[in-house]
Amino acid sequence: MKYIILVFLFITLPLKAFESTNIQLLYSNSFDGNSFVYDTQDGKKTTLTLDHFRTFSYGDFFMFVDVTDGKKFNNRDTDIYAEFAPRLSFSKILDKDLKLGALKDISIATQMEKAFDKGDHYRAFLYGLGFDFTLPFLNVFSLNIYNKTDNINSDDTYQITVVYSSQELYGLHFEGFVDATKRDFSTQNQVLYNLDRIFSIDEKLYVGIEWLYYDYDYKATRSKTSAVQGMLKYSF
């Protein structure tokens, strides 16, 4: 219940400038690595993702929920995983322009990760600082540096998260993120084509591919996966 309350709190905060929501459908038969986190017994997996971002008077809020279908190594067919990431902007709180060169803003960055499964529910809490930059050809470039604690590992770790999204060129753009800790490295990168250029629809419908890469290497345990997924993305 507390997670539902948290989400409701942030998605109902008053808007100041912008909000965006999209639904993504992804499929691949190449999840055939040895990663307990991502891979499946037969390599096949379908993912439905709800993705939401909005700004509010004192910062911004991002969340996503993944619902995956594919038989995991623990014989589970369906998993639900979510992340909630509110940030408080120093420039908004102080009502002061903090731009310095390419640096646009600094935020107090927090994040909660939650797996909604049976048994030991994975959950993690992160806190740190976020840095937003204005760079050529990019709509978004954000660097977040966190301390991360979770209920699976006994020791905390750092996490460095980079988020990026390019401007559109001839209907094409790329977007993605990188997460790096002392235990693992993951990145998901999408190349998408805007079908509005063909069908002239009011909402934005994209088609493309996503490359997912994950590498865990910690305390003599190593696992890795690399998968290319076909995807549809509907943004409204």
C-alpha atoms as a PDB file:
ATOM      1  CA  MET A   1       0.000   0.000   0.000  1.00  0.00           C
ATOM      2  CA  LYS A   2       2.820   2.460   0.799  1.00  0.00           C
ATOM      3  CA  TYR A   3       4.163   2.116  -2.754  1.00  0.00           C
ATOM      4  CA  ILE A   4       0.735   2.942  -4.218  1.00  0.00           C
ATOM      5  CA  ILE A   5       0.492   5.986  -1.951  1.00  0.00           C
ATOM      6  CA  LEU A   6       3.968   7.151  -3.021  1.00  0.00           C
ATOM      7  CA  VAL A   7       3.117   6.880  -6.714  1.00  0.00           C
ATOM      8  CA  PHE A   8      -0.211   8.637  -6.233  1.00  0.00           C
ATOM      9  CA  LEU A   9       1.479  11.458  -4.327  1.00  0.00           C
ATOM     10  CA  PHE A  10       3.957  12.267  -7.076  1.00  0.00           C
ATOM     11  CA  ILE A  11       1.717  11.788 -10.122  1.00  0.00           C
ATOM     12  CA  THR A  12      -0.872  14.152  -8.620  1.00  0.00           C
ATOM     13  CA  LEU A  13       1.601  16.925  -7.802  1.00  0.00           C
ATOM     14  CA  PRO A  14       0.792  20.158  -9.667  1.00  0.00           C
ATOM     15  CA  LEU A  15       2.407  20.409 -13.065  1.00  0.00           C
ATOM     16  CA  LYS A  16       4.702  23.279 -13.870  1.00  0.00           C
ATOM     17  CA  ALA A  17       5.884  22.608 -17.407  1.00  0.00           C
ATOM     18  CA  PHE A  18       5.708  19.130 -18.842  1.00  0.00           C
ATOM     19  CA  GLU A  19       4.407  15.583 -18.597  1.00  0.00           C
ATOM     20  CA  SER A  20       4.776  12.533 -20.817  1.00  0.00           C
ATOM     21  CA  THR A  21       3.432   8.984 -20.666  1.00  0.00           C
ATOM     22  CA  ASN A  22       4.113   6.058 -22.973  1.00  0.00           C
ATOM     23  CA  ILE A  23       3.403   2.362 -23.274  1.00  0.00           C
ATOM     24  CA  GLN A  24       6.004   0.030 -24.778  1.00  0.00           C
ATOM     25  CA  LEU A  25       5.612  -3.526 -26.065  1.00  0.00           C
ATOM     26  CA  LEU A  26       8.847  -5.494 -26.554  1.00  0.00           C
ATOM     27  CA  TYR A  27       9.641  -9.053 -27.656  1.00  0.00           C
ATOM     28  CA  SER A  28      12.797 -11.075 -28.137  1.00  0.00           C
ATOM     29  CA  ASN A  29      13.837 -14.713 -28.399  1.00  0.00           C
ATOM     30  CA  SER A  30      17.471 -13.954 -27.537  1.00  0.00           C
ATOM     31  CA  PHE A  31      17.281 -13.871 -23.720  1.00  0.00           C
ATOM     32  CA  ASP A  32      19.433 -17.001 -23.717  1.00  0.00           C
ATOM     33  CA  GLY A  33      22.254 -15.923 -21.413  1.00  0.00           C
ATOM     34  CA  ASN A  34      22.761 -17.048 -17.826  1.00  0.00           C
ATOM     35  CA  SER A  35      21.372 -13.983 -16.018  1.00  0.00           C
ATOM     36  CA  PHE A  36      18.788 -14.837 -13.375  1.00  0.00           C
ATOM     37  CA  VAL A  37      17.535 -11.242 -13.635  1.00  0.00           C
ATOM     38  CA  TYR A  38      16.696 -11.113 -17.348  1.00  0.00           C
ATOM     39  CA  ASP A  39      17.057 -14.464 -19.120  1.00  0.00           C
ATOM     40  CA  THR A  40      14.456 -17.177 -19.657  1.00  0.00           C
ATOM     41  CA  GLN A  41      14.590 -20.930 -20.105  1.00  0.00           C
ATOM     42  CA  ASP A  42      13.795 -20.835 -23.840  1.00  0.00           C
ATOM     43  CA  GLY A  43      15.153 -17.327 -24.534  1.00  0.00           C
ATOM     44  CA  LYS A  44      11.701 -15.891 -25.276  1.00  0.00           C
ATOM     45  CA  LYS A  45      10.296 -12.942 -23.362  1.00  0.00           C
ATOM     46  CA  THR A  46       7.576 -10.343 -23.871  1.00  0.00           C
ATOM     47  CA  THR A  47       7.632  -7.095 -21.885  1.00  0.00           C
ATOM     48  CA  LEU A  48       4.903  -4.497 -21.426  1.00  0.00           C
ATOM     49  CA  THR A  49       6.211  -1.229 -19.980  1.00  0.00           C
ATOM     50  CA  LEU A  50       4.322   1.780 -18.632  1.00  0.00           C
ATOM     51  CA  ASP A  51       6.601   4.815 -18.500  1.00  0.00           C
ATOM     52  CA  HIS A  52       5.713   8.217 -16.984  1.00  0.00           C
ATOM     53  CA  PHE A  53       7.610  11.486 -16.471  1.00  0.00           C
ATOM     54  CA  ARG A  54       6.427  14.830 -15.176  1.00  0.00           C
ATOM     55  CA  THR A  55       7.743  18.040 -13.719  1.00  0.00           C
ATOM     56  CA  PHE A  56       6.250  19.783 -10.716  1.00  0.00           C
ATOM     57  CA  SER A  57       6.842  22.981  -8.761  1.00  0.00           C
ATOM     58  CA  TYR A  58       9.960  21.724  -6.948  1.00  0.00           C
ATOM     59  CA  GLY A  59      11.424  19.121  -9.260  1.00  0.00           C
ATOM     60  CA  ASP A  60      10.519  16.159 -11.431  1.00  0.00           C
ATOM     61  CA  PHE A  61       9.282  12.598 -11.118  1.00  0.00           C
ATOM     62  CA  PHE A  62       9.929   9.522 -13.267  1.00  0.00           C
ATOM     63  CA  MET A  63       8.500   6.032 -12.922  1.00  0.00           C
ATOM     64  CA  PHE A  64       8.128   2.859 -14.942  1.00  0.00           C
ATOM     65  CA  VAL A  65       6.481  -0.515 -14.455  1.00  0.00           C
ATOM     66  CA  ASP A  66       7.603  -3.629 -16.370  1.00  0.00           C
ATOM     67  CA  VAL A  67       5.340  -6.653 -16.715  1.00  0.00           C
ATOM     68  CA  THR A  68       7.271  -9.531 -18.292  1.00  0.00           C
ATOM     69  CA  ASP A  69       6.056 -12.861 -19.644  1.00  0.00           C
ATOM     70  CA  GLY A  70       8.568 -15.691 -20.101  1.00  0.00           C
ATOM     71  CA  LYS A  71       9.529 -18.742 -18.058  1.00  0.00           C
ATOM     72  CA  LYS A  72      12.370 -17.745 -15.758  1.00  0.00           C
ATOM     73  CA  PHE A  73      14.908 -20.124 -14.202  1.00  0.00           C
ATOM     74  CA  ASN A  74      12.760 -20.200 -11.040  1.00  0.00           C
ATOM     75  CA  ASN A  75       9.835 -21.422 -13.216  1.00  0.00           C
ATOM     76  CA  ARG A  76       7.915 -18.161 -12.779  1.00  0.00           C
ATOM     77  CA  ASP A  77       6.089 -17.101 -15.941  1.00  0.00           C
ATOM     78  CA  THR A  78       5.263 -13.482 -15.055  1.00  0.00           C
ATOM     79  CA  ASP A  79       7.220 -10.826 -13.182  1.00  0.00           C
ATOM     80  CA  ILE A  80       6.374  -7.241 -12.244  1.00  0.00           C
ATOM     81  CA  TYR A  81       9.143  -4.745 -11.552  1.00  0.00           C
ATOM     82  CA  ALA A  82       8.923  -0.982 -10.957  1.00  0.00           C
ATOM     83  CA  GLU A  83      11.111   2.026 -10.250  1.00  0.00           C
ATOM     84  CA  PHE A  84      10.030   5.394  -8.829  1.00  0.00           C
ATOM     85  CA  ALA A  85      12.475   8.313  -9.014  1.00  0.00           C
ATOM     86  CA  PRO A  86      11.465  11.714  -7.594  1.00  0.00           C
ATOM     87  CA  ARG A  87      14.029  14.534  -7.663  1.00  0.00           C
ATOM     88  CA  LEU A  88      14.036  17.966  -6.006  1.00  0.00           C
ATOM     89  CA  SER A  89      15.613  20.731  -8.090  1.00  0.00           C
ATOM     90  CA  PHE A  90      17.874  23.276  -6.377  1.00  0.00           C
ATOM     91  CA  SER A  91      17.084  25.891  -9.026  1.00  0.00           C
ATOM     92  CA  LYS A  92      13.331  25.490  -8.463  1.00  0.00           C
ATOM     93  CA  ILE A  93      13.539  25.391  -4.673  1.00  0.00           C
ATOM     94  CA  LEU A  94      15.824  28.445  -4.556  1.00  0.00           C
ATOM     95  CA  ASP A  95      14.060  30.112  -7.499  1.00  0.00           C
ATOM     96  CA  LYS A  96      17.499  30.853  -8.929  1.00  0.00           C
ATOM     97  CA  ASP A  97      19.229  30.110 -12.220  1.00  0.00           C
ATOM     98  CA  LEU A  98      22.092  27.701 -11.492  1.00  0.00           C
ATOM     99  CA  LYS A  99      23.324  27.250 -15.052  1.00  0.00           C
ATOM    100  CA  LEU A 100      27.080  26.909 -15.409  1.00  0.00           C
ATOM    101  CA  GLY A 101      28.302  26.169 -18.909  1.00  0.00           C
ATOM    102  CA  ALA A 102      26.628  22.963 -20.068  1.00  0.00           C
ATOM    103  CA  LEU A 103      25.355  22.243 -16.539  1.00  0.00           C
ATOM    104  CA  LYS A 104      21.670  23.211 -16.391  1.00  0.00           C
ATOM    105  CA  ASP A 105      20.552  22.154 -12.914  1.00  0.00           C
ATOM    106  CA  ILE A 106      21.410  20.134  -9.801  1.00  0.00           C
ATOM    107  CA  SER A 107      18.871  18.046  -7.894  1.00  0.00           C
ATOM    108  CA  ILE A 108      18.506  15.919  -4.812  1.00  0.00           C
ATOM    109  CA  ALA A 109      17.929  12.548  -6.474  1.00  0.00           C
ATOM    110  CA  THR A 110      16.116   9.603  -4.920  1.00  0.00           C
ATOM    111  CA  GLN A 111      14.911   6.292  -6.307  1.00  0.00           C
ATOM    112  CA  MET A 112      13.029   3.241  -5.134  1.00  0.00           C
ATOM    113  CA  GLU A 113      13.207  -0.132  -6.916  1.00  0.00           C
ATOM    114  CA  LYS A 114      10.689  -2.862  -6.232  1.00  0.00           C
ATOM    115  CA  ALA A 115      10.077  -6.379  -7.553  1.00  0.00           C
ATOM    116  CA  PHE A 116       6.553  -7.600  -6.940  1.00  0.00           C
ATOM    117  CA  ASP A 117       7.181 -11.335  -6.709  1.00  0.00           C
ATOM    118  CA  LYS A 118       6.748 -14.175  -4.256  1.00  0.00           C
ATOM    119  CA  GLY A 119       9.266 -14.952  -1.555  1.00  0.00           C
ATOM    120  CA  ASP A 120      11.992 -12.414  -0.799  1.00  0.00           C
ATOM    121  CA  HIS A 121      10.660  -9.280  -2.493  1.00  0.00           C
ATOM    122  CA  TYR A 122      13.611  -7.350  -3.919  1.00  0.00           C
ATOM    123  CA  ARG A 123      13.577  -3.706  -2.914  1.00  0.00           C
ATOM    124  CA  ALA A 124      16.236  -1.021  -3.064  1.00  0.00           C
ATOM    125  CA  PHE A 125      16.497   2.591  -1.976  1.00  0.00           C
ATOM    126  CA  LEU A 126      18.846   5.114  -3.575  1.00  0.00           C
ATOM    127  CA  TYR A 127      19.728   8.706  -2.720  1.00  0.00           C
ATOM    128  CA  GLY A 128      22.241  11.180  -4.055  1.00  0.00           C
ATOM    129  CA  LEU A 129      22.627  14.056  -6.486  1.00  0.00           C
ATOM    130  CA  GLY A 130      21.396  14.546 -10.044  1.00  0.00           C
ATOM    131  CA  PHE A 131      23.004  16.758 -12.697  1.00  0.00           C
ATOM    132  CA  ASP A 132      21.180  17.863 -15.853  1.00  0.00           C
ATOM    133  CA  PHE A 133      23.111  19.098 -18.873  1.00  0.00           C
ATOM    134  CA  THR A 134      22.315  20.919 -22.091  1.00  0.00           C
ATOM    135  CA  LEU A 135      24.236  19.235 -24.908  1.00  0.00           C
ATOM    136  CA  PRO A 136      24.079  19.535 -28.717  1.00  0.00           C
ATOM    137  CA  PHE A 137      21.628  17.188 -30.507  1.00  0.00           C
ATOM    138  CA  LEU A 138      20.248  15.878 -27.207  1.00  0.00           C
ATOM    139  CA  ASN A 139      16.887  16.658 -25.624  1.00  0.00           C
ATOM    140  CA  VAL A 140      17.913  14.976 -22.370  1.00  0.00           C
ATOM    141  CA  PHE A 141      21.251  14.228 -20.735  1.00  0.00           C
ATOM    142  CA  SER A 142      21.128  13.507 -17.006  1.00  0.00           C
ATOM    143  CA  LEU A 143      23.760  12.117 -14.636  1.00  0.00           C
ATOM    144  CA  ASN A 144      22.646  10.788 -11.246  1.00  0.00           C
ATOM    145  CA  ILE A 145      25.072   9.571  -8.570  1.00  0.00           C
ATOM    146  CA  TYR A 146      23.523   7.516  -5.768  1.00  0.00           C
ATOM    147  CA  ASN A 147      24.221   5.522  -2.669  1.00  0.00           C
ATOM    148  CA  LYS A 148      22.269   2.259  -3.025  1.00  0.00           C
ATOM    149  CA  THR A 149      21.047  -0.138  -0.362  1.00  0.00           C
ATOM    150  CA  ASP A 150      18.895  -3.218  -0.914  1.00  0.00           C
ATOM    151  CA  ASN A 151      17.521  -6.192   0.996  1.00  0.00           C
ATOM    152  CA  ILE A 152      19.523  -8.816  -0.939  1.00  0.00           C
ATOM    153  CA  ASN A 153      23.119  -7.638  -0.479  1.00  0.00           C
ATOM    154  CA  SER A 154      24.586  -6.930   2.958  1.00  0.00           C
ATOM    155  CA  ASP A 155      26.780  -4.045   1.768  1.00  0.00           C
ATOM    156  CA  ASP A 156      25.793  -0.736   0.166  1.00  0.00           C
ATOM    157  CA  THR A 157      27.113   0.287  -3.212  1.00  0.00           C
ATOM    158  CA  TYR A 158      27.264   3.353  -5.393  1.00  0.00           C
ATOM    159  CA  GLN A 159      25.162   3.628  -8.537  1.00  0.00           C
ATOM    160  CA  ILE A 160      25.906   5.926 -11.455  1.00  0.00           C
ATOM    161  CA  THR A 161      22.960   6.418 -13.807  1.00  0.00           C
ATOM    162  CA  VAL A 162      23.134   8.234 -17.134  1.00  0.00           C
ATOM    163  CA  VAL A 163      19.920   8.968 -19.062  1.00  0.00           C
ATOM    164  CA  TYR A 164      19.894  10.353 -22.601  1.00  0.00           C
ATOM    165  CA  SER A 165      17.543  11.063 -25.490  1.00  0.00           C
ATOM    166  CA  SER A 166      18.415  12.553 -28.867  1.00  0.00           C
ATOM    167  CA  GLN A 167      16.568  14.991 -31.051  1.00  0.00           C
ATOM    168  CA  GLU A 168      14.640  13.531 -33.957  1.00  0.00           C
ATOM    169  CA  LEU A 169      16.264  13.407 -37.409  1.00  0.00           C
ATOM    170  CA  TYR A 170      14.181  12.258 -40.389  1.00  0.00           C
ATOM    171  CA  GLY A 171      11.825  10.535 -37.970  1.00  0.00           C
ATOM    172  CA  LEU A 172      14.627   8.645 -36.179  1.00  0.00           C
ATOM    173  CA  HIS A 173      15.932   9.158 -32.669  1.00  0.00           C
ATOM    174  CA  PHE A 174      17.719   7.159 -29.968  1.00  0.00           C
ATOM    175  CA  GLU A 175      17.246   7.074 -26.216  1.00  0.00           C
ATOM    176  CA  GLY A 176      18.412   4.966 -23.304  1.00  0.00           C
ATOM    177  CA  PHE A 177      20.226   4.718 -20.006  1.00  0.00           C
ATOM    178  CA  VAL A 178      23.287   3.231 -18.314  1.00  0.00           C
ATOM    179  CA  ASP A 179      23.380   1.945 -14.710  1.00  0.00           C
ATOM    180  CA  ALA A 180      26.730   1.056 -13.150  1.00  0.00           C
ATOM    181  CA  THR A 181      27.465  -0.196  -9.620  1.00  0.00           C
ATOM    182  CA  LYS A 182      30.389  -2.063  -8.069  1.00  0.00           C
ATOM    183  CA  ARG A 183      28.399  -5.260  -8.639  1.00  0.00           C
ATOM    184  CA  ASP A 184      26.864  -4.904 -12.086  1.00  0.00           C
ATOM    185  CA  PHE A 185      26.536  -2.918 -15.293  1.00  0.00           C
ATOM    186  CA  SER A 186      23.374  -2.576 -17.371  1.00  0.00           C
ATOM    187  CA  THR A 187      22.287  -0.524 -20.345  1.00  0.00           C
ATOM    188  CA  GLN A 188      19.190  -0.372 -22.523  1.00  0.00           C
ATOM    189  CA  ASN A 189      19.314   1.590 -25.784  1.00  0.00           C
ATOM    190  CA  GLN A 190      16.466   2.167 -28.222  1.00  0.00           C
ATOM    191  CA  VAL A 191      16.501   3.303 -31.845  1.00  0.00           C
ATOM    192  CA  LEU A 192      13.004   4.395 -32.835  1.00  0.00           C
ATOM    193  CA  TYR A 193      11.226   5.641 -35.955  1.00  0.00           C
ATOM    194  CA  ASN A 194       8.257   8.009 -35.642  1.00  0.00           C
ATOM    195  CA  LEU A 195       5.390   6.518 -37.669  1.00  0.00           C
ATOM    196  CA  ASP A 196       3.616   9.873 -37.592  1.00  0.00           C
ATOM    197  CA  ARG A 197       5.713  10.768 -40.640  1.00  0.00           C
ATOM    198  CA  ILE A 198       3.833   8.050 -42.547  1.00  0.00           C
ATOM    199  CA  PHE A 199       0.353   7.921 -41.006  1.00  0.00           C
ATOM    200  CA  SER A 200      -0.136  11.536 -39.751  1.00  0.00           C
ATOM    201  CA  ILE A 201      -1.684  10.450 -36.442  1.00  0.00           C
ATOM    202  CA  ASP A 202      -2.358  12.775 -33.512  1.00  0.00           C
ATOM    203  CA  GLU A 203      -0.446  10.741 -30.920  1.00  0.00           C
ATOM    204  CA  LYS A 204       3.100   9.507 -31.409  1.00  0.00           C
ATOM    205  CA  LEU A 205       3.596   5.874 -32.410  1.00  0.00           C
ATOM    206  CA  TYR A 206       7.138   4.552 -32.753  1.00  0.00           C
ATOM    207  CA  VAL A 207       8.589   1.314 -34.044  1.00  0.00           C
ATOM    208  CA  GLY A 208      12.161   0.184 -33.510  1.00  0.00           C
ATOM    209  CA  ILE A 209      14.579  -1.999 -31.603  1.00  0.00           C
ATOM    210  CA  GLU A 210      16.073  -2.057 -28.133  1.00  0.00           C
ATOM    211  CA  TRP A 211      19.414  -3.538 -27.155  1.00  0.00           C
ATOM    212  CA  LEU A 212      19.602  -4.726 -23.543  1.00  0.00           C
ATOM    213  CA  TYR A 213      22.948  -5.634 -21.995  1.00  0.00           C
ATOM    214  CA  TYR A 214      23.526  -6.760 -18.406  1.00  0.00           C
ATOM    215  CA  ASP A 215      26.741  -7.941 -16.739  1.00  0.00           C
ATOM    216  CA  TYR A 216      26.971  -9.041 -13.092  1.00  0.00           C
ATOM    217  CA  ASP A 217      30.434  -9.732 -11.676  1.00  0.00           C
ATOM    218  CA  TYR A 218      30.766  -9.796  -7.902  1.00  0.00           C
ATOM    219  CA  LYS A 219      32.237 -12.138  -5.279  1.00  0.00           C
ATOM    220  CA  ALA A 220      33.151 -14.894  -7.767  1.00  0.00           C
ATOM    221  CA  THR A 221      29.690 -14.877  -9.361  1.00  0.00           C
ATOM    222  CA  ARG A 222      29.437 -13.888 -13.033  1.00  0.00           C
ATOM    223  CA  SER A 223      26.362 -13.692 -15.248  1.00  0.00           C
ATOM    224  CA  LYS A 224      25.669 -11.851 -18.462  1.00  0.00           C
ATOM    225  CA  THR A 225      22.935 -11.322 -21.013  1.00  0.00           C
ATOM    226  CA  SER A 226      22.676  -9.446 -24.293  1.00  0.00           C
ATOM    227  CA  ALA A 227      19.385  -9.279 -26.179  1.00  0.00           C
ATOM    228  CA  VAL A 228      17.960  -7.302 -29.091  1.00  0.00           C
ATOM    229  CA  GLN A 229      14.207  -6.739 -28.876  1.00  0.00           C
ATOM    230  CA  GLY A 230      11.684  -5.535 -31.385  1.00  0.00           C
ATOM    231  CA  MET A 231       9.403  -2.880 -29.960  1.00  0.00           C
ATOM    232  CA  LEU A 232       6.378  -0.629 -30.403  1.00  0.00           C
ATOM    233  CA  LYS A 233       6.023   2.548 -28.378  1.00  0.00           C
ATOM    234  CA  TYR A 234       2.861   4.624 -28.031  1.00  0.00           C
ATOM    235  CA  SER A 235       3.359   8.062 -26.463  1.00  0.00           C
ATOM    236  CA  PHE A 236       0.512  10.244 -25.254  1.00  0.00           C
END
